[in-house]
């Protein structure tokens, strides 16, 4: 009887050990399968999903960047054009030389006699003694200069309209620029007429009105910001106005012969403006 109970107990213990062993194997297999599943399926799937999400984000960023570049390029490529009004100028030429030295000798001689003069370096060296902005004034002046310089003649030149390209962001400024340039041209014409009139009247203080008008134009134009594309044009144009106003102010203080100084400044500025208008690098 005792032997039978021992045998039954051993059989029971054997079954328990078998069950425990089997459970251990099952647990091991579960852990192993879970590990393999995690390593080769879940984690790769998760990582792939993350990579896909990052790629989608990168693609969206690239798309936005490309659209921004295209919009910027479109803004750059889309340009409007404005025409700045030109004008006619009539210079009194009294000499033409093949060398600058000979031209300068003539200018020095004219300066000693308080006669305005300016050298134009164009197909030789031309000596100009006056500039008018209307033909009638030039013809009147020729009657007085011909008696001393028989070879003197009126050199006509058209300062052409200047074409300026600009972007939409400069729309407001560019029209102000055009309007103020018209005012500047009128000031040039007024000063040109005054120079001839004041040779007889001698009222040089009347030029102060024109100086104030030049300063007002400069002030108004400087109130507006421009794009970098227009900055060069704006600065060159404003510098002409600033120098003109400054030099005229200095000339008015000249006690000896202010009108001589004013006329020299005027001739120089008209030619400087002509150069600005014909500069195609803007």
Protein backbone atom coordinates (compact mmCIF):
# COMPACT_ATOMS: atom_id res chain seq x y z
CA UNK A 1 0.00 0.00 0.00
CA UNK A 2 2.81 2.38 0.97
CA UNK A 3 4.64 1.57 -2.24
CA UNK A 4 1.55 2.33 -4.26
CA UNK A 5 1.14 5.77 -2.56
CA UNK A 6 4.81 6.56 -3.22
CA UNK A 7 4.43 5.65 -6.84
CA UNK A 8 1.34 7.80 -7.20
CA UNK A 9 3.11 10.74 -5.48
CA UNK A 10 6.10 10.43 -7.78
CA UNK A 11 3.88 10.29 -10.81
CA UNK A 12 2.06 13.42 -9.58
CA UNK A 13 5.35 15.24 -8.99
CA UNK A 14 6.54 14.19 -12.42
CA UNK A 15 3.44 15.61 -13.99
CA UNK A 16 3.91 18.88 -12.06
CA UNK A 17 7.52 19.12 -13.23
CA UNK A 18 6.39 18.43 -16.78
CA UNK A 19 3.74 21.06 -16.56
CA UNK A 20 6.22 23.58 -15.09
CA UNK A 21 8.74 22.71 -17.78
CA UNK A 22 6.11 23.08 -20.46
CA UNK A 23 5.02 26.41 -19.02
CA UNK A 24 8.67 27.52 -18.97
CA UNK A 25 9.06 26.59 -22.59
CA UNK A 26 5.86 28.41 -23.46
CA UNK A 27 7.00 31.50 -21.56
CA UNK A 28 10.40 31.35 -23.24
CA UNK A 29 8.79 30.94 -26.64
CA UNK A 30 6.39 33.83 -25.89
CA UNK A 31 9.22 36.09 -24.80
CA UNK A 32 11.31 35.07 -27.77
CA UNK A 33 8.45 35.59 -30.20
CA UNK A 34 7.65 38.90 -28.57
CA UNK A 35 11.29 39.96 -28.82
CA UNK A 36 11.53 38.86 -32.44
CA UNK A 37 8.19 40.50 -33.24
CA UNK A 38 9.28 43.72 -31.59
CA UNK A 39 12.72 43.76 -33.20
CA UNK A 40 11.74 42.78 -36.72
CA UNK A 41 8.16 43.97 -37.12
CA UNK A 42 6.92 46.45 -34.50
CA UNK A 43 10.05 48.60 -34.14
CA UNK A 44 10.85 48.66 -37.89
CA UNK A 45 7.21 49.48 -38.60
CA UNK A 46 7.28 52.26 -36.02
CA UNK A 47 10.58 53.61 -37.30
CA UNK A 48 9.36 53.45 -40.88
CA UNK A 49 6.28 55.38 -39.87
CA UNK A 50 8.42 57.99 -38.15
CA UNK A 51 10.68 58.24 -41.20
CA UNK A 52 7.65 58.58 -43.46
CA UNK A 53 6.29 61.34 -41.25
CA UNK A 54 9.63 63.15 -41.30
CA UNK A 55 9.82 62.79 -45.06
CA UNK A 56 6.32 64.18 -45.41
CA UNK A 57 7.28 67.16 -43.20
CA UNK A 58 10.48 67.69 -45.20
CA UNK A 59 8.57 67.51 -48.47
CA UNK A 60 6.09 70.09 -47.17
CA UNK A 61 8.94 72.36 -46.06
CA UNK A 62 10.67 71.98 -49.44
CA UNK A 63 7.39 72.71 -51.18
CA UNK A 64 6.85 75.86 -49.11
CA UNK A 65 10.45 76.95 -49.71
CA UNK A 66 10.09 76.37 -53.44
CA UNK A 67 6.81 78.28 -53.55
CA UNK A 68 8.44 81.15 -51.65
CA UNK A 69 11.34 81.20 -54.11
CA UNK A 70 8.96 81.10 -57.06
CA UNK A 71 6.89 83.94 -55.61
CA UNK A 72 10.04 85.97 -54.96
CA UNK A 73 11.32 85.25 -58.46
CA UNK A 74 7.94 86.21 -59.87
CA UNK A 75 8.13 89.50 -57.97
CA UNK A 76 11.63 90.10 -59.31
CA UNK A 77 10.71 89.17 -62.86
CA UNK A 78 7.55 91.30 -62.87
CA UNK A 79 8.68 94.86 -63.46
CA UNK A 80 6.87 98.02 -64.40
CA UNK A 81 8.38 100.86 -66.39
CA UNK A 82 8.19 104.58 -65.73
CA UNK A 83 9.42 107.37 -67.98
CA UNK A 84 11.16 110.41 -66.44
CA UNK A 85 10.69 113.45 -68.66
CA UNK A 86 13.73 114.71 -70.53
CA UNK A 87 14.29 118.22 -71.89
CA UNK A 88 16.02 120.20 -74.62
CA UNK A 89 19.26 122.03 -73.90
CA UNK A 90 21.02 124.61 -76.05
CA UNK A 91 24.71 125.13 -75.32
CA UNK A 92 26.82 127.97 -76.70
CA UNK A 93 30.03 126.39 -77.98
CA UNK A 94 32.94 128.76 -78.55
CA UNK A 95 35.82 126.32 -78.97
CA UNK A 96 36.73 122.73 -79.80
CA UNK A 97 40.12 121.12 -79.15
CA UNK A 98 41.81 117.78 -79.63
CA UNK A 99 43.52 117.95 -76.21
CA UNK A 100 42.15 118.72 -72.78
CA UNK A 101 45.12 121.00 -72.05
CA UNK A 102 44.21 123.43 -74.85
CA UNK A 103 40.57 123.41 -73.79
CA UNK A 104 41.55 124.11 -70.18
CA UNK A 105 43.77 127.02 -71.28
CA UNK A 106 40.75 128.62 -72.96
CA UNK A 107 38.59 128.04 -69.87
CA UNK A 108 41.25 129.61 -67.61
CA UNK A 109 41.37 132.63 -69.90
CA UNK A 110 37.59 132.97 -69.78
CA UNK A 111 37.56 132.63 -65.98
CA UNK A 112 40.04 135.50 -65.67
CA UNK A 113 37.51 137.64 -67.54
CA UNK A 114 34.66 136.31 -65.36
CA UNK A 115 33.06 134.51 -68.29
CA UNK A 116 31.50 131.13 -67.44
CA UNK A 117 32.94 128.07 -69.17
CA UNK A 118 32.68 124.30 -69.06
CA UNK A 119 34.50 121.53 -70.90
CA UNK A 120 32.42 118.80 -72.52
CA UNK A 121 34.46 115.66 -73.24
CA UNK A 122 32.56 114.38 -76.26
CA UNK A 123 34.20 113.79 -79.66
CA UNK A 124 37.02 116.07 -78.60
CA UNK A 125 37.05 118.75 -75.92
CA UNK A 126 34.35 121.36 -76.45
CA UNK A 127 34.31 124.63 -74.50
CA UNK A 128 30.80 125.73 -73.55
CA UNK A 129 30.18 129.24 -72.23
CA UNK A 130 26.44 129.13 -71.62
CA UNK A 131 23.50 126.71 -71.48
CA UNK A 132 19.87 127.64 -72.12
CA UNK A 133 16.82 125.46 -71.89
CA UNK A 134 14.90 127.29 -74.62
CA UNK A 135 16.03 128.08 -78.16
CA UNK A 136 14.96 131.74 -78.12
CA UNK A 137 17.25 132.59 -75.18
CA UNK A 138 20.13 130.84 -76.92
CA UNK A 139 19.59 132.85 -80.12
CA UNK A 140 19.46 136.11 -78.17
CA UNK A 141 22.69 135.27 -76.36
CA UNK A 142 24.38 134.37 -79.66
CA UNK A 143 23.99 137.96 -80.86
CA UNK A 144 26.24 139.19 -78.06
CA UNK A 145 28.83 136.40 -78.15
CA UNK A 146 29.29 136.33 -81.94
CA UNK A 147 31.03 139.69 -81.96
CA UNK A 148 33.93 138.23 -79.97
CA UNK A 149 33.81 134.57 -80.97
CA UNK A 150 32.92 134.34 -84.64
CA UNK A 151 32.98 130.53 -84.63
CA UNK A 152 30.46 130.32 -81.77
CA UNK A 153 27.28 128.38 -82.48
CA UNK A 154 24.32 126.83 -80.70
CA UNK A 155 24.85 123.16 -79.89
CA UNK A 156 21.41 121.60 -79.57
CA UNK A 157 20.91 118.44 -77.58
CA UNK A 158 17.85 116.52 -76.50
CA UNK A 159 18.15 114.98 -73.04
CA UNK A 160 16.02 111.88 -73.62
CA UNK A 161 13.34 110.52 -71.35
CA UNK A 162 14.77 108.07 -68.85
CA UNK A 163 13.10 104.67 -68.59
CA UNK A 164 13.14 103.29 -65.04
CA UNK A 165 12.07 99.76 -64.15
CA UNK A 166 10.48 99.22 -60.77
CA UNK A 167 8.55 96.62 -58.77
CA UNK A 168 5.03 96.91 -57.42
CA UNK A 169 6.36 97.73 -53.95
CA UNK A 170 7.77 101.00 -55.36
CA UNK A 171 4.50 102.00 -57.04
CA UNK A 172 3.74 104.87 -54.65
CA UNK A 173 7.28 106.22 -54.53
CA UNK A 174 7.94 106.12 -58.27
CA UNK A 175 5.08 108.48 -59.08
CA UNK A 176 6.22 110.90 -56.38
CA UNK A 177 9.70 110.68 -57.91
CA UNK A 178 8.30 111.51 -61.35
CA UNK A 179 6.32 114.50 -60.06
CA UNK A 180 9.30 115.88 -58.13
CA UNK A 181 11.55 115.44 -61.17
CA UNK A 182 9.12 117.59 -63.17
CA UNK A 183 9.44 120.26 -60.50
CA UNK A 184 13.22 120.00 -60.70
CA UNK A 185 13.13 120.55 -64.47
CA UNK A 186 10.98 123.65 -63.95
CA UNK A 187 13.50 124.95 -61.41
CA UNK A 188 16.30 124.43 -63.93
CA UNK A 189 14.36 126.40 -66.54
CA UNK A 190 13.60 129.18 -64.05
CA UNK A 191 17.22 129.49 -62.97
CA UNK A 192 18.35 129.52 -66.61
CA UNK A 193 16.05 132.46 -67.37
CA UNK A 194 16.98 134.31 -64.18
CA UNK A 195 20.67 134.13 -65.02
CA UNK A 196 20.09 136.08 -68.24
CA UNK A 197 17.70 138.53 -66.55
CA UNK A 198 19.89 139.23 -63.52
CA UNK A 199 22.84 140.16 -65.74
CA UNK A 200 20.95 143.42 -66.17
CA UNK A 201 19.07 143.62 -62.85
CA UNK A 202 21.65 142.21 -60.46
CA UNK A 203 19.08 140.86 -57.96
CA UNK A 204 20.90 137.65 -57.04
CA UNK A 205 18.84 137.08 -53.88
CA UNK A 206 15.95 135.99 -56.11
CA UNK A 207 17.81 132.64 -56.44
CA UNK A 208 17.09 131.89 -52.77
CA UNK A 209 13.55 130.91 -53.76
CA UNK A 210 14.98 128.25 -56.08
CA UNK A 211 17.34 126.98 -53.38
CA UNK A 212 14.39 126.58 -51.01
CA UNK A 213 12.44 124.74 -53.72
CA UNK A 214 15.35 122.32 -54.27
CA UNK A 215 15.55 121.63 -50.54
CA UNK A 216 11.81 120.99 -50.40
CA UNK A 217 12.02 118.45 -53.24
CA UNK A 218 14.90 116.63 -51.56
CA UNK A 219 13.00 116.53 -48.27
CA UNK A 220 9.85 115.11 -49.84
CA UNK A 221 11.65 112.39 -51.81
CA UNK A 222 13.70 111.33 -48.78
CA UNK A 223 10.53 110.71 -46.79
CA UNK A 224 9.83 107.58 -48.81
CA UNK A 225 11.70 104.29 -48.60
CA UNK A 226 12.55 102.52 -51.84
CA UNK A 227 13.56 98.99 -52.71
CA UNK A 228 17.25 98.25 -53.16
CA UNK A 229 16.75 98.21 -56.94
CA UNK A 230 15.82 101.90 -56.98
CA UNK A 231 18.32 103.00 -54.34
CA UNK A 232 21.10 103.77 -56.83
CA UNK A 233 18.83 105.90 -59.03
CA UNK A 234 17.39 107.73 -56.04
CA UNK A 235 20.77 108.47 -54.46
CA UNK A 236 22.34 109.78 -57.68
CA UNK A 237 19.36 112.02 -58.39
CA UNK A 238 19.20 113.37 -54.82
CA UNK A 239 22.94 114.07 -54.83
CA UNK A 240 22.47 116.31 -57.87
CA UNK A 241 19.83 118.29 -55.97
CA UNK A 242 21.84 118.46 -52.75
CA UNK A 243 25.02 119.62 -54.46
CA UNK A 244 23.10 122.13 -56.57
CA UNK A 245 21.45 123.68 -53.50
CA UNK A 246 24.69 123.71 -51.52
CA UNK A 247 26.76 125.27 -54.31
CA UNK A 248 24.14 127.92 -55.06
CA UNK A 249 24.01 128.85 -51.38
CA UNK A 250 27.79 129.26 -51.34
CA UNK A 251 27.69 131.32 -54.55
CA UNK A 252 25.18 133.78 -53.07
CA UNK A 253 27.72 134.57 -50.35
CA UNK A 254 30.34 135.47 -52.96
CA UNK A 255 30.72 139.24 -52.67
CA UNK A 256 32.88 139.64 -55.77
CA UNK A 257 30.87 138.09 -58.62
CA UNK A 258 28.12 135.72 -57.43
CA UNK A 259 26.30 135.60 -60.79
CA UNK A 260 29.44 134.31 -62.50
CA UNK A 261 29.60 131.49 -59.92
CA UNK A 262 25.88 130.76 -60.26
CA UNK A 263 26.08 130.45 -64.04
CA UNK A 264 29.07 128.11 -63.83
CA UNK A 265 27.19 125.94 -61.34
CA UNK A 266 24.11 125.93 -63.55
CA UNK A 267 26.03 124.81 -66.65
CA UNK A 268 27.73 122.04 -64.69
CA UNK A 269 24.47 120.78 -63.15
CA UNK A 270 22.59 120.70 -66.45
CA UNK A 271 25.32 118.50 -67.93
CA UNK A 272 25.39 116.37 -64.77
CA UNK A 273 21.63 115.88 -65.06
CA UNK A 274 22.06 114.99 -68.74
CA UNK A 275 24.59 112.33 -67.76
CA UNK A 276 22.19 110.93 -65.14
CA UNK A 277 19.35 110.73 -67.66
CA UNK A 278 21.45 108.91 -70.25
CA UNK A 279 23.05 106.46 -67.79
CA UNK A 280 21.66 103.04 -68.78
CA UNK A 281 23.30 101.20 -65.90
CA UNK A 282 20.42 101.99 -63.52
